[in-house]
Structures are given as C-alpha cells and as structure tokens.
Amino acid sequence: HIRIEKRGDVAARLISRQWRISDARGQVSDVEGEGVVGEQPLIQPGGAYDYVSGCPLPTAEGSMVGSYAMEMGDGSHMLVAIPHFPLVAPATAS
C-alpha cells in the first residue's frame, strides 16, 4: 500500500515512476513507466493518492529504491526520490 501526500500550495501530477528492485541473490531489475497502476493522478494541495501495487520477486526478501517524476501545476517538473526500503514476502500458512 502506497500513499502519496501533496504538501504545499500547487497541485502535482505523477507522470512516471522508476524503480530499482533487488532480490536476496543480488539480481537487479529496473522498472520504468508512465504513472502508477495505469494512472497519472493529479494530487491537489493537501490531498493524497493511495494505491496498491506489487512486484515480482523470486526470493522471500529484497529491496527497492526509486523515484516519481511529477509535473507541477505551475508547469515546472520535480523528481521525487524514494529512499531504499526492504521487501519481505508475507508469511504463508503451511
């Protein structure tokens, strides 16, 4: 579950994303594309956008780092860095 909150006084549209996904064996995959989950949401000042997504991961653990490219309501562009975070597969019942 991902939640993007817009602070400040200008709306922003999420136009693309870039992810670097690493698994526990050190294999790395780069993923780039327009928007997220098929959308390019416009987030108003003080507003938020929530979505649920996943990624293929051949091991039970890994990590991701990435960025969102945003187009601001005033016509400027901003690259929002997403810090490195761990990925852990949910526990499954036996």
PDB file of N, CA and C in Angstrom:
ATOM      1  N   HIS A   1       0.850  -1.170   0.000  1.00  0.00           N
ATOM      2  CA  HIS A   1       0.000   0.000   0.000  1.00  0.00           C
ATOM      3  C   HIS A   1       0.892   1.228   0.000  1.00  0.00           C
ATOM      4  N   ILE A   2       0.672   2.112  -0.942  1.00  0.00           N
ATOM      5  CA  ILE A   2       1.472   3.334  -1.075  1.00  0.00           C
ATOM      6  C   ILE A   2       0.533   4.520  -0.953  1.00  0.00           C
ATOM      7  N   ARG A   3       0.966   5.513  -0.182  1.00  0.00           N
ATOM      8  CA  ARG A   3       0.198   6.755  -0.024  1.00  0.00           C
ATOM      9  C   ARG A   3       1.130   7.908  -0.359  1.00  0.00           C
ATOM     10  N   ILE A   4       0.694   8.748  -1.304  1.00  0.00           N
ATOM     11  CA  ILE A   4       1.447   9.940  -1.688  1.00  0.00           C
ATOM     12  C   ILE A   4       0.649  11.138  -1.218  1.00  0.00           C
ATOM     13  N   GLU A   5       1.262  11.968  -0.394  1.00  0.00           N
ATOM     14  CA  GLU A   5       0.600  13.166   0.123  1.00  0.00           C
ATOM     15  C   GLU A   5       1.215  14.401  -0.514  1.00  0.00           C
ATOM     16  N   LYS A   6       0.387  15.351  -0.895  1.00  0.00           N
ATOM     17  CA  LYS A   6       0.844  16.590  -1.526  1.00  0.00           C
ATOM     18  C   LYS A   6       0.795  17.725  -0.529  1.00  0.00           C
ATOM     19  N   ARG A   7       1.959  18.214  -0.205  1.00  0.00           N
ATOM     20  CA  ARG A   7       2.061  19.391   0.674  1.00  0.00           C
ATOM     21  C   ARG A   7       2.414  20.582  -0.198  1.00  0.00           C
ATOM     22  N   GLY A   8       2.226  21.773   0.317  1.00  0.00           N
ATOM     23  CA  GLY A   8       2.477  22.964  -0.489  1.00  0.00           C
ATOM     24  C   GLY A   8       1.187  23.449  -1.118  1.00  0.00           C
ATOM     25  N   ASP A   9       1.307  24.478  -1.974  1.00  0.00           N
ATOM     26  CA  ASP A   9       0.100  25.121  -2.489  1.00  0.00           C
ATOM     27  C   ASP A   9      -0.117  24.947  -3.988  1.00  0.00           C
ATOM     28  N   VAL A  10       0.596  23.999  -4.624  1.00  0.00           N
ATOM     29  CA  VAL A  10       0.449  23.754  -6.053  1.00  0.00           C
ATOM     30  C   VAL A  10       0.131  22.276  -6.265  1.00  0.00           C
ATOM     31  N   ALA A  11      -0.846  21.983  -7.116  1.00  0.00           N
ATOM     32  CA  ALA A  11      -1.175  20.593  -7.442  1.00  0.00           C
ATOM     33  C   ALA A  11      -0.015  19.949  -8.198  1.00  0.00           C
ATOM     34  N   ALA A  12       0.018  18.606  -8.197  1.00  0.00           N
ATOM     35  CA  ALA A  12       1.067  17.880  -8.910  1.00  0.00           C
ATOM     36  C   ALA A  12       0.483  16.629  -9.552  1.00  0.00           C
ATOM     37  N   ARG A  13       0.937  16.336 -10.780  1.00  0.00           N
ATOM     38  CA  ARG A  13       0.529  15.122 -11.472  1.00  0.00           C
ATOM     39  C   ARG A  13       1.728  14.170 -11.500  1.00  0.00           C
ATOM     40  N   LEU A  14       1.483  12.933 -11.080  1.00  0.00           N
ATOM     41  CA  LEU A  14       2.519  11.905 -11.122  1.00  0.00           C
ATOM     42  C   LEU A  14       2.573  11.389 -12.562  1.00  0.00           C
ATOM     43  N   ILE A  15       3.641  11.721 -13.295  1.00  0.00           N
ATOM     44  CA  ILE A  15       3.677  11.362 -14.711  1.00  0.00           C
ATOM     45  C   ILE A  15       4.457  10.075 -14.992  1.00  0.00           C
ATOM     46  N   SER A  16       5.430   9.744 -14.151  1.00  0.00           N
ATOM     47  CA  SER A  16       6.155   8.488 -14.374  1.00  0.00           C
ATOM     48  C   SER A  16       6.839   8.039 -13.085  1.00  0.00           C
ATOM     49  N   ARG A  17       7.285   6.756 -13.134  1.00  0.00           N
ATOM     50  CA  ARG A  17       7.994   6.217 -11.979  1.00  0.00           C
ATOM     51  C   ARG A  17       9.163   5.382 -12.470  1.00  0.00           C
ATOM     52  N   GLN A  18      10.151   5.237 -11.600  1.00  0.00           N
ATOM     53  CA  GLN A  18      11.338   4.434 -11.862  1.00  0.00           C
ATOM     54  C   GLN A  18      11.666   3.678 -10.589  1.00  0.00           C
ATOM     55  N   TRP A  19      11.877   2.363 -10.710  1.00  0.00           N
ATOM     56  CA  TRP A  19      12.227   1.537  -9.564  1.00  0.00           C
ATOM     57  C   TRP A  19      13.459   0.703  -9.879  1.00  0.00           C
ATOM     58  N   ARG A  20      14.314   0.487  -8.909  1.00  0.00           N
ATOM     59  CA  ARG A  20      15.399  -0.484  -8.972  1.00  0.00           C
ATOM     60  C   ARG A  20      15.074  -1.515  -7.897  1.00  0.00           C
ATOM     61  N   ILE A  21      14.796  -2.746  -8.331  1.00  0.00           N
ATOM     62  CA  ILE A  21      14.365  -3.819  -7.446  1.00  0.00           C
ATOM     63  C   ILE A  21      15.493  -4.844  -7.350  1.00  0.00           C
ATOM     64  N   SER A  22      15.911  -5.159  -6.132  1.00  0.00           N
ATOM     65  CA  SER A  22      16.974  -6.138  -5.904  1.00  0.00           C
ATOM     66  C   SER A  22      16.423  -7.302  -5.103  1.00  0.00           C
ATOM     67  N   ASP A  23      16.805  -8.529  -5.494  1.00  0.00           N
ATOM     68  CA  ASP A  23      16.387  -9.684  -4.702  1.00  0.00           C
ATOM     69  C   ASP A  23      17.524 -10.124  -3.782  1.00  0.00           C
ATOM     70  N   ALA A  24      17.285 -11.149  -2.976  1.00  0.00           N
ATOM     71  CA  ALA A  24      18.262 -11.596  -1.980  1.00  0.00           C
ATOM     72  C   ALA A  24      19.510 -12.204  -2.617  1.00  0.00           C
ATOM     73  N   ARG A  25      19.443 -12.557  -3.889  1.00  0.00           N
ATOM     74  CA  ARG A  25      20.611 -13.118  -4.589  1.00  0.00           C
ATOM     75  C   ARG A  25      21.445 -12.049  -5.282  1.00  0.00           C
ATOM     76  N   GLY A  26      21.009 -10.800  -5.177  1.00  0.00           N
ATOM     77  CA  GLY A  26      21.740  -9.712  -5.813  1.00  0.00           C
ATOM     78  C   GLY A  26      21.311  -9.417  -7.237  1.00  0.00           C
ATOM     79  N   GLN A  27      20.275 -10.095  -7.738  1.00  0.00           N
ATOM     80  CA  GLN A  27      19.755  -9.795  -9.073  1.00  0.00           C
ATOM     81  C   GLN A  27      18.997  -8.467  -9.021  1.00  0.00           C
ATOM     82  N   VAL A  28      19.225  -7.630 -10.006  1.00  0.00           N
ATOM     83  CA  VAL A  28      18.624  -6.295 -10.034  1.00  0.00           C
ATOM     84  C   VAL A  28      17.754  -6.151 -11.277  1.00  0.00           C
ATOM     85  N   SER A  29      16.567  -5.578 -11.093  1.00  0.00           N
ATOM     86  CA  SER A  29      15.657  -5.268 -12.195  1.00  0.00           C
ATOM     87  C   SER A  29      15.321  -3.787 -12.143  1.00  0.00           C
ATOM     88  N   ASP A  30      15.362  -3.137 -13.287  1.00  0.00           N
ATOM     89  CA  ASP A  30      14.945  -1.741 -13.384  1.00  0.00           C
ATOM     90  C   ASP A  30      13.582  -1.693 -14.052  1.00  0.00           C
ATOM     91  N   VAL A  31      12.664  -0.949 -13.448  1.00  0.00           N
ATOM     92  CA  VAL A  31      11.308  -0.808 -13.966  1.00  0.00           C
ATOM     93  C   VAL A  31      11.020   0.677 -14.131  1.00  0.00           C
ATOM     94  N   GLU A  32      10.591   1.066 -15.326  1.00  0.00           N
ATOM     95  CA  GLU A  32      10.214   2.446 -15.597  1.00  0.00           C
ATOM     96  C   GLU A  32       8.891   2.447 -16.342  1.00  0.00           C
ATOM     97  N   GLY A  33       8.127   3.508 -16.167  1.00  0.00           N
ATOM     98  CA  GLY A  33       6.884   3.597 -16.918  1.00  0.00           C
ATOM     99  C   GLY A  33       6.086   4.822 -16.561  1.00  0.00           C
ATOM    100  N   GLU A  34       5.024   5.017 -17.317  1.00  0.00           N
ATOM    101  CA  GLU A  34       4.131   6.145 -17.070  1.00  0.00           C
ATOM    102  C   GLU A  34       3.292   5.898 -15.829  1.00  0.00           C
ATOM    103  N   GLY A  35       3.113   6.925 -15.037  1.00  0.00           N
ATOM    104  CA  GLY A  35       2.226   6.874 -13.881  1.00  0.00           C
ATOM    105  C   GLY A  35       2.447   5.678 -12.977  1.00  0.00           C
ATOM    106  N   VAL A  36       1.392   5.318 -12.270  1.00  0.00           N
ATOM    107  CA  VAL A  36       1.392   4.149 -11.384  1.00  0.00           C
ATOM    108  C   VAL A  36       0.065   3.422 -11.571  1.00  0.00           C
ATOM    109  N   VAL A  37       0.086   2.123 -11.566  1.00  0.00           N
ATOM    110  CA  VAL A  37      -1.093   1.262 -11.747  1.00  0.00           C
ATOM    111  C   VAL A  37      -2.046   1.775 -12.844  1.00  0.00           C
ATOM    112  N   GLY A  38      -1.448   2.193 -13.959  1.00  0.00           N
ATOM    113  CA  GLY A  38      -2.245   2.635 -15.091  1.00  0.00           C
ATOM    114  C   GLY A  38      -2.840   4.024 -14.972  1.00  0.00           C
ATOM    115  N   GLU A  39      -2.443   4.785 -13.994  1.00  0.00           N
ATOM    116  CA  GLU A  39      -2.991   6.130 -13.789  1.00  0.00           C
ATOM    117  C   GLU A  39      -1.874   7.157 -13.679  1.00  0.00           C
ATOM    118  N   GLN A  40      -2.208   8.382 -14.016  1.00  0.00           N
ATOM    119  CA  GLN A  40      -1.338   9.534 -13.791  1.00  0.00           C
ATOM    120  C   GLN A  40      -2.131  10.514 -12.922  1.00  0.00           C
ATOM    121  N   PRO A  41      -2.194  10.233 -11.630  1.00  0.00           N
ATOM    122  CA  PRO A  41      -3.090  11.011 -10.761  1.00  0.00           C
ATOM    123  C   PRO A  41      -2.648  12.465 -10.576  1.00  0.00           C
ATOM    124  N   LEU A  42      -3.639  13.334 -10.518  1.00  0.00           N
ATOM    125  CA  LEU A  42      -3.421  14.727 -10.160  1.00  0.00           C
ATOM    126  C   LEU A  42      -3.735  14.850  -8.673  1.00  0.00           C
ATOM    127  N   ILE A  43      -2.755  15.270  -7.909  1.00  0.00           N
ATOM    128  CA  ILE A  43      -2.911  15.364  -6.454  1.00  0.00           C
ATOM    129  C   ILE A  43      -2.985  16.836  -6.072  1.00  0.00           C
ATOM    130  N   GLN A  44      -4.090  17.214  -5.489  1.00  0.00           N
ATOM    131  CA  GLN A  44      -4.320  18.604  -5.102  1.00  0.00           C
ATOM    132  C   GLN A  44      -3.551  18.943  -3.820  1.00  0.00           C
ATOM    133  N   PRO A  45      -3.252  20.234  -3.598  1.00  0.00           N
ATOM    134  CA  PRO A  45      -2.594  20.632  -2.359  1.00  0.00           C
ATOM    135  C   PRO A  45      -3.384  20.141  -1.144  1.00  0.00           C
ATOM    136  N   GLY A  46      -2.694  19.525  -0.211  1.00  0.00           N
ATOM    137  CA  GLY A  46      -3.334  18.977   0.975  1.00  0.00           C
ATOM    138  C   GLY A  46      -3.997  17.634   0.738  1.00  0.00           C
ATOM    139  N   GLY A  47      -3.993  17.167  -0.499  1.00  0.00           N
ATOM    140  CA  GLY A  47      -4.631  15.905  -0.850  1.00  0.00           C
ATOM    141  C   GLY A  47      -3.656  14.737  -0.830  1.00  0.00           C
ATOM    142  N   ALA A  48      -4.185  13.573  -1.147  1.00  0.00           N
ATOM    143  CA  ALA A  48      -3.371  12.360  -1.154  1.00  0.00           C
ATOM    144  C   ALA A  48      -3.884  11.416  -2.235  1.00  0.00           C
ATOM    145  N   TYR A  49      -3.011  10.502  -2.635  1.00  0.00           N
ATOM    146  CA  TYR A  49      -3.360   9.451  -3.587  1.00  0.00           C
ATOM    147  C   TYR A  49      -2.857   8.136  -3.012  1.00  0.00           C
ATOM    148  N   ASP A  50      -3.739   7.147  -2.940  1.00  0.00           N
ATOM    149  CA  ASP A  50      -3.391   5.829  -2.416  1.00  0.00           C
ATOM    150  C   ASP A  50      -3.504   4.802  -3.536  1.00  0.00           C
ATOM    151  N   TYR A  51      -2.567   3.857  -3.550  1.00  0.00           N
ATOM    152  CA  TYR A  51      -2.685   2.741  -4.477  1.00  0.00           C
ATOM    153  C   TYR A  51      -2.004   1.509  -3.899  1.00  0.00           C
ATOM    154  N   VAL A  52      -2.348   0.360  -4.473  1.00  0.00           N
ATOM    155  CA  VAL A  52      -1.766  -0.909  -4.063  1.00  0.00           C
ATOM    156  C   VAL A  52      -1.058  -1.489  -5.276  1.00  0.00           C
ATOM    157  N   SER A  53       0.156  -1.934  -5.073  1.00  0.00           N
ATOM    158  CA  SER A  53       0.936  -2.480  -6.167  1.00  0.00           C
ATOM    159  C   SER A  53       1.852  -3.566  -5.637  1.00  0.00           C
ATOM    160  N   GLY A  54       2.459  -4.287  -6.532  1.00  0.00           N
ATOM    161  CA  GLY A  54       3.401  -5.330  -6.147  1.00  0.00           C
ATOM    162  C   GLY A  54       4.465  -5.452  -7.214  1.00  0.00           C
ATOM    163  N   CYS A  55       5.413  -6.335  -6.975  1.00  0.00           N
ATOM    164  CA  CYS A  55       6.463  -6.579  -7.951  1.00  0.00           C
ATOM    165  C   CYS A  55       6.880  -8.037  -7.889  1.00  0.00           C
ATOM    166  N   PRO A  56       7.314  -8.584  -9.020  1.00  0.00           N
ATOM    167  CA  PRO A  56       7.803  -9.964  -8.995  1.00  0.00           C
ATOM    168  C   PRO A  56       9.125 -10.012  -8.230  1.00  0.00           C
ATOM    169  N   LEU A  57       9.237 -10.965  -7.326  1.00  0.00           N
ATOM    170  CA  LEU A  57      10.455 -11.103  -6.531  1.00  0.00           C
ATOM    171  C   LEU A  57      10.691 -12.601  -6.337  1.00  0.00           C
ATOM    172  N   PRO A  58      11.752 -13.144  -6.934  1.00  0.00           N
ATOM    173  CA  PRO A  58      11.972 -14.590  -6.874  1.00  0.00           C
ATOM    174  C   PRO A  58      12.471 -15.099  -5.520  1.00  0.00           C
ATOM    175  N   THR A  59      12.824 -14.202  -4.628  1.00  0.00           N
ATOM    176  CA  THR A  59      13.273 -14.593  -3.290  1.00  0.00           C
ATOM    177  C   THR A  59      12.328 -14.012  -2.250  1.00  0.00           C
ATOM    178  N   ALA A  60      12.392 -14.507  -1.028  1.00  0.00           N
ATOM    179  CA  ALA A  60      11.478 -14.045   0.025  1.00  0.00           C
ATOM    180  C   ALA A  60      11.801 -12.634   0.515  1.00  0.00           C
ATOM    181  N   GLU A  61      13.002 -12.159   0.220  1.00  0.00           N
ATOM    182  CA  GLU A  61      13.407 -10.815   0.651  1.00  0.00           C
ATOM    183  C   GLU A  61      14.109 -10.095  -0.489  1.00  0.00           C
ATOM    184  N   GLY A  62      14.122  -8.795  -0.390  1.00  0.00           N
ATOM    185  CA  GLY A  62      14.795  -7.965  -1.368  1.00  0.00           C
ATOM    186  C   GLY A  62      14.699  -6.514  -0.945  1.00  0.00           C
ATOM    187  N   SER A  63      14.825  -5.606  -1.907  1.00  0.00           N
ATOM    188  CA  SER A  63      14.722  -4.186  -1.588  1.00  0.00           C
ATOM    189  C   SER A  63      14.387  -3.401  -2.849  1.00  0.00           C
ATOM    190  N   MET A  64      13.946  -2.182  -2.640  1.00  0.00           N
ATOM    191  CA  MET A  64      13.610  -1.272  -3.737  1.00  0.00           C
ATOM    192  C   MET A  64      14.104   0.125  -3.419  1.00  0.00           C
ATOM    193  N   VAL A  65      14.360   0.889  -4.467  1.00  0.00           N
ATOM    194  CA  VAL A  65      14.660   2.312  -4.386  1.00  0.00           C
ATOM    195  C   VAL A  65      14.149   2.904  -5.693  1.00  0.00           C
ATOM    196  N   GLY A  66      13.738   4.157  -5.678  1.00  0.00           N
ATOM    197  CA  GLY A  66      13.212   4.689  -6.922  1.00  0.00           C
ATOM    198  C   GLY A  66      12.893   6.160  -6.886  1.00  0.00           C
ATOM    199  N   SER A  67      12.031   6.564  -7.813  1.00  0.00           N
ATOM    200  CA  SER A  67      11.627   7.962  -7.883  1.00  0.00           C
ATOM    201  C   SER A  67      10.313   8.103  -8.644  1.00  0.00           C
ATOM    202  N   TYR A  68       9.636   9.204  -8.388  1.00  0.00           N
ATOM    203  CA  TYR A  68       8.457   9.617  -9.127  1.00  0.00           C
ATOM    204  C   TYR A  68       8.798  10.919  -9.842  1.00  0.00           C
ATOM    205  N   ALA A  69       8.424  11.033 -11.108  1.00  0.00           N
ATOM    206  CA  ALA A  69       8.539  12.298 -11.833  1.00  0.00           C
ATOM    207  C   ALA A  69       7.177  12.985 -11.749  1.00  0.00           C
ATOM    208  N   MET A  70       7.182  14.214 -11.269  1.00  0.00           N
ATOM    209  CA  MET A  70       5.954  14.963 -11.058  1.00  0.00           C
ATOM    210  C   MET A  70       5.943  16.206 -11.956  1.00  0.00           C
ATOM    211  N   GLU A  71       4.763  16.530 -12.486  1.00  0.00           N
ATOM    212  CA  GLU A  71       4.566  17.777 -13.198  1.00  0.00           C
ATOM    213  C   GLU A  71       3.715  18.670 -12.307  1.00  0.00           C
ATOM    214  N   MET A  72       4.277  19.782 -11.927  1.00  0.00           N
ATOM    215  CA  MET A  72       3.605  20.678 -11.001  1.00  0.00           C
ATOM    216  C   MET A  72       2.580  21.536 -11.737  1.00  0.00           C
ATOM    217  N   GLY A  73       1.575  21.993 -10.997  1.00  0.00           N
ATOM    218  CA  GLY A  73       0.501  22.808 -11.562  1.00  0.00           C
ATOM    219  C   GLY A  73       0.976  24.101 -12.191  1.00  0.00           C
ATOM    220  N   ASP A  74       2.176  24.553 -11.821  1.00  0.00           N
ATOM    221  CA  ASP A  74       2.718  25.786 -12.411  1.00  0.00           C
ATOM    222  C   ASP A  74       3.564  25.494 -13.650  1.00  0.00           C
ATOM    223  N   GLY A  75       3.593  24.226 -14.101  1.00  0.00           N
ATOM    224  CA  GLY A  75       4.338  23.859 -15.302  1.00  0.00           C
ATOM    225  C   GLY A  75       5.753  23.360 -15.058  1.00  0.00           C
ATOM    226  N   SER A  76       6.244  23.500 -13.851  1.00  0.00           N
ATOM    227  CA  SER A  76       7.584  23.004 -13.546  1.00  0.00           C
ATOM    228  C   SER A  76       7.545  21.491 -13.314  1.00  0.00           C
ATOM    229  N   HIS A  77       8.716  20.882 -13.268  1.00  0.00           N
ATOM    230  CA  HIS A  77       8.832  19.444 -13.037  1.00  0.00           C
ATOM    231  C   HIS A  77       9.687  19.186 -11.800  1.00  0.00           C
ATOM    232  N   MET A  78       9.413  18.074 -11.131  1.00  0.00           N
ATOM    233  CA  MET A  78      10.155  17.719  -9.933  1.00  0.00           C
ATOM    234  C   MET A  78      10.372  16.213  -9.922  1.00  0.00           C
ATOM    235  N   LEU A  79      11.564  15.787  -9.559  1.00  0.00           N
ATOM    236  CA  LEU A  79      11.853  14.373  -9.376  1.00  0.00           C
ATOM    237  C   LEU A  79      11.857  14.106  -7.875  1.00  0.00           C
ATOM    238  N   VAL A  80      10.978  13.221  -7.431  1.00  0.00           N
ATOM    239  CA  VAL A  80      10.844  12.909  -6.009  1.00  0.00           C
ATOM    240  C   VAL A  80      11.555  11.588  -5.740  1.00  0.00           C
ATOM    241  N   ALA A  81      12.629  11.647  -4.968  1.00  0.00           N
ATOM    242  CA  ALA A  81      13.406  10.444  -4.642  1.00  0.00           C
ATOM    243  C   ALA A  81      12.671   9.613  -3.597  1.00  0.00           C
ATOM    244  N   ILE A  82      12.633   8.299  -3.825  1.00  0.00           N
ATOM    245  CA  ILE A  82      12.047   7.373  -2.860  1.00  0.00           C
ATOM    246  C   ILE A  82      13.202   6.575  -2.270  1.00  0.00           C
ATOM    247  N   PRO A  83      13.453   6.721  -0.977  1.00  0.00           N
ATOM    248  CA  PRO A  83      14.609   6.064  -0.365  1.00  0.00           C
ATOM    249  C   PRO A  83      14.513   4.537  -0.401  1.00  0.00           C
ATOM    250  N   HIS A  84      15.645   3.922  -0.306  1.00  0.00           N
ATOM    251  CA  HIS A  84      15.773   2.462  -0.264  1.00  0.00           C
ATOM    252  C   HIS A  84      14.912   1.903   0.870  1.00  0.00           C
ATOM    253  N   PHE A  85      14.155   0.825   0.581  1.00  0.00           N
ATOM    254  CA  PHE A  85      13.369   0.172   1.626  1.00  0.00           C
ATOM    255  C   PHE A  85      13.358  -1.332   1.384  1.00  0.00           C
ATOM    256  N   PRO A  86      13.208  -2.115   2.464  1.00  0.00           N
ATOM    257  CA  PRO A  86      13.233  -3.577   2.328  1.00  0.00           C
ATOM    258  C   PRO A  86      11.919  -4.128   1.794  1.00  0.00           C
ATOM    259  N   LEU A  87      11.998  -5.263   1.139  1.00  0.00           N
ATOM    260  CA  LEU A  87      10.838  -6.036   0.711  1.00  0.00           C
ATOM    261  C   LEU A  87      10.904  -7.371   1.425  1.00  0.00           C
ATOM    262  N   VAL A  88       9.800  -7.771   2.026  1.00  0.00           N
ATOM    263  CA  VAL A  88       9.725  -9.059   2.711  1.00  0.00           C
ATOM    264  C   VAL A  88       8.399  -9.706   2.343  1.00  0.00           C
ATOM    265  N   ALA A  89       8.461 -10.916   1.805  1.00  0.00           N
ATOM    266  CA  ALA A  89       7.238 -11.629   1.432  1.00  0.00           C
ATOM    267  C   ALA A  89       6.420 -11.927   2.678  1.00  0.00           C
ATOM    268  N   PRO A  90       5.100 -11.819   2.576  1.00  0.00           N
ATOM    269  CA  PRO A  90       4.263 -12.137   3.740  1.00  0.00           C
ATOM    270  C   PRO A  90       4.406 -13.622   4.102  1.00  0.00           C
ATOM    271  N   ALA A  91       4.264 -13.910   5.381  1.00  0.00           N
ATOM    272  CA  ALA A  91       4.320 -15.291   5.846  1.00  0.00           C
ATOM    273  C   ALA A  91       3.140 -16.064   5.274  1.00  0.00           C
ATOM    274  N   THR A  92       3.378 -17.307   4.917  1.00  0.00           N
ATOM    275  CA  THR A  92       2.295 -18.132   4.401  1.00  0.00           C
ATOM    276  C   THR A  92       2.034 -19.292   5.347  1.00  0.00           C
ATOM    277  N   ALA A  93       0.778 -19.695   5.440  1.00  0.00           N
ATOM    278  CA  ALA A  93       0.416 -20.810   6.310  1.00  0.00           C
ATOM    279  C   ALA A  93       0.855 -22.110   5.656  1.00  0.00           C
ATOM    280  N   SER A  94       1.294 -23.070   6.460  1.00  0.00           N
ATOM    281  CA  SER A  94       1.735 -24.341   5.894  1.00  0.00           C
ATOM    282  C   SER A  94       0.612 -25.360   5.873  1.00  0.00           C
TER     283      SER A  94
END
